[in-house]
Amino acid sequence: MKVLFRTAVLVSVLSSFQAYAEVNISDAWVRANAPGQKVGAAYMALKSTQDSALVAAESPSAGSVEIHSMSMKNGVMKMRMLENLPLPAGKVEKLAPGGFHLMLFDLKKPLKAGEEVKFKLSFKDKDNNITQQEVVLPIKETN
């Protein structure tokens, strides 16, 4: 009877584990901005082990953080907020100037080169499981 009970408990515990998507974050940085400017941008490369999506971002340095796309068409820049950024399994999705990025609004203070910004990123996998990763990004000057 004890063996049967232990086996049932073990099966129950093992079946409760789920395979969440792991997202590797690299080449992450935040662009320094001018004093008085209330917006900023963050960039990085994301690579997920399974199909998933970046669904939210937040930072104590900003009132809000949005996932954005940017494109140029006929000399006109278009920027729009995205509900999520799909991350196909094994493919690197780059958030870079001129493309996808995280937009920081209502900055608490200027983003100065040499300092850092903390973020909490939320990812949703194909089974709708949400995982969060906390990252610290360096602020860099750009030309």
Protein backbone atom coordinates (compact mmCIF):
# COMPACT_ATOMS: atom_id res chain seq x y z
CA MET A 1 0.00 0.00 0.00
CA LYS A 2 2.85 2.44 0.87
CA VAL A 3 4.55 1.73 -2.47
CA LEU A 4 1.31 2.38 -4.34
CA PHE A 5 0.80 5.67 -2.44
CA ARG A 6 4.40 6.81 -3.10
CA THR A 7 4.05 5.98 -6.78
CA ALA A 8 0.80 7.97 -7.01
CA VAL A 9 2.42 10.97 -5.29
CA LEU A 10 5.47 10.78 -7.59
CA VAL A 11 3.28 10.62 -10.71
CA SER A 12 1.24 13.56 -9.44
CA VAL A 13 4.36 15.66 -8.77
CA LEU A 14 5.99 14.83 -12.11
CA SER A 15 2.84 15.59 -14.07
CA SER A 16 2.60 19.02 -12.45
CA PHE A 17 5.93 20.09 -13.98
CA GLN A 18 5.49 21.96 -17.26
CA ALA A 19 8.02 22.74 -19.94
CA TYR A 20 8.14 26.53 -20.03
CA ALA A 21 9.96 28.35 -22.78
CA GLU A 22 13.42 29.53 -21.86
CA VAL A 23 14.34 32.85 -23.42
CA ASN A 24 17.99 33.78 -23.80
CA ILE A 25 18.55 37.55 -23.65
CA SER A 26 21.77 38.99 -25.12
CA ASP A 27 23.22 42.23 -26.51
CA ALA A 28 20.88 44.20 -24.23
CA TRP A 29 21.25 47.94 -23.73
CA VAL A 30 19.34 51.18 -23.23
CA ARG A 31 20.00 54.36 -25.23
CA ALA A 32 21.10 57.40 -23.19
CA ASN A 33 18.82 60.40 -23.63
CA ALA A 34 18.94 64.15 -23.19
CA PRO A 35 18.02 65.79 -19.87
CA GLY A 36 14.31 66.65 -19.81
CA GLN A 37 13.43 63.97 -22.34
CA LYS A 38 10.65 61.78 -20.89
CA VAL A 39 11.01 58.79 -23.26
CA GLY A 40 13.71 56.22 -23.90
CA ALA A 41 14.35 52.99 -25.78
CA ALA A 42 15.82 49.59 -24.94
CA TYR A 43 17.24 47.00 -27.30
CA MET A 44 18.24 43.34 -27.07
CA ALA A 45 18.32 39.99 -28.85
CA LEU A 46 15.80 37.34 -27.72
CA LYS A 47 16.02 33.63 -28.51
CA SER A 48 13.40 31.22 -27.17
CA THR A 49 13.71 27.43 -26.88
CA GLN A 50 10.10 27.03 -28.06
CA ASP A 51 7.47 29.13 -29.79
CA SER A 52 6.56 31.94 -27.40
CA ALA A 53 6.09 35.70 -27.30
CA LEU A 54 7.25 38.73 -25.36
CA VAL A 55 3.94 39.97 -23.95
CA ALA A 56 4.89 42.69 -21.45
CA ALA A 57 7.75 44.69 -19.99
CA GLU A 58 8.00 46.95 -16.98
CA SER A 59 10.70 49.02 -15.30
CA PRO A 60 10.87 51.01 -12.07
CA SER A 61 12.68 53.69 -14.11
CA ALA A 62 9.60 54.43 -16.25
CA GLY A 63 5.88 55.00 -15.79
CA SER A 64 5.23 52.43 -18.52
CA VAL A 65 7.07 50.27 -21.05
CA GLU A 66 5.62 49.25 -24.41
CA ILE A 67 6.71 46.83 -27.11
CA HIS A 68 7.07 48.82 -30.36
CA SER A 69 7.87 48.34 -34.01
CA MET A 70 9.37 51.07 -36.17
CA SER A 71 9.63 51.24 -39.93
CA MET A 72 10.36 53.78 -42.65
CA LYS A 73 8.15 53.97 -45.73
CA ASN A 74 8.52 56.67 -48.38
CA GLY A 75 10.58 58.77 -45.99
CA VAL A 76 7.94 58.58 -43.26
CA MET A 77 8.69 56.90 -39.94
CA LYS A 78 5.91 54.71 -38.58
CA MET A 79 5.98 53.56 -34.98
CA ARG A 80 3.29 51.42 -33.43
CA MET A 81 2.69 49.59 -30.19
CA LEU A 82 2.50 45.80 -30.36
CA GLU A 83 0.39 43.62 -28.06
CA ASN A 84 3.21 41.04 -28.21
CA LEU A 85 6.35 40.14 -30.11
CA PRO A 86 6.31 36.55 -31.43
CA LEU A 87 9.46 34.54 -30.71
CA PRO A 88 9.63 31.49 -33.02
CA ALA A 89 11.59 28.59 -31.49
CA GLY A 90 15.33 28.80 -32.09
CA LYS A 91 15.19 32.08 -34.04
CA VAL A 92 16.89 35.22 -32.75
CA GLU A 93 14.52 38.20 -32.71
CA LYS A 94 16.50 41.44 -32.56
CA LEU A 95 15.20 44.55 -30.88
CA ALA A 96 17.41 47.21 -32.47
CA PRO A 97 17.34 50.86 -33.55
CA GLY A 98 15.13 51.21 -36.62
CA GLY A 99 13.07 48.10 -35.79
CA PHE A 100 11.50 46.42 -32.79
CA HIS A 101 12.31 47.99 -29.41
CA LEU A 102 10.99 48.61 -25.92
CA MET A 103 9.74 52.17 -25.49
CA LEU A 104 10.02 53.67 -21.99
CA PHE A 105 7.52 56.43 -21.16
CA ASP A 106 7.38 58.93 -18.27
CA LEU A 107 11.00 58.40 -17.24
CA LYS A 108 11.69 59.09 -13.57
CA LYS A 109 15.11 60.60 -14.43
CA PRO A 110 17.36 60.99 -17.49
CA LEU A 111 19.01 57.85 -18.85
CA LYS A 112 22.74 58.54 -18.38
CA ALA A 113 25.52 56.51 -19.98
CA GLY A 114 27.26 54.29 -17.45
CA GLU A 115 24.12 53.73 -15.35
CA GLU A 116 21.71 50.79 -15.55
CA VAL A 117 17.99 50.16 -15.97
CA LYS A 118 16.12 47.20 -14.45
CA PHE A 119 13.36 45.46 -16.40
CA LYS A 120 10.91 42.65 -15.78
CA LEU A 121 10.03 40.91 -19.05
CA SER A 122 7.00 38.62 -19.36
CA PHE A 123 6.88 35.80 -21.89
CA LYS A 124 3.96 33.58 -22.87
CA ASP A 125 4.63 30.12 -24.32
CA LYS A 126 2.45 28.17 -26.75
CA ASP A 127 0.51 26.66 -23.81
CA ASN A 128 -0.25 30.17 -22.45
CA ASN A 129 2.12 29.76 -19.49
CA ILE A 130 3.61 33.10 -18.39
CA THR A 131 7.22 33.29 -17.24
CA GLN A 132 9.07 36.40 -16.13
CA GLN A 133 12.73 37.32 -16.30
CA GLU A 134 14.38 40.22 -14.54
CA VAL A 135 17.28 41.82 -16.36
CA VAL A 136 19.56 44.80 -15.78
CA LEU A 137 20.60 46.68 -18.92
CA PRO A 138 23.51 49.11 -19.24
CA ILE A 139 22.79 52.61 -20.55
CA LYS A 140 25.03 53.52 -23.50
CA GLU A 141 25.79 56.66 -25.51
CA THR A 142 25.15 56.33 -29.23
CA ASN A 143 26.35 58.38 -32.16
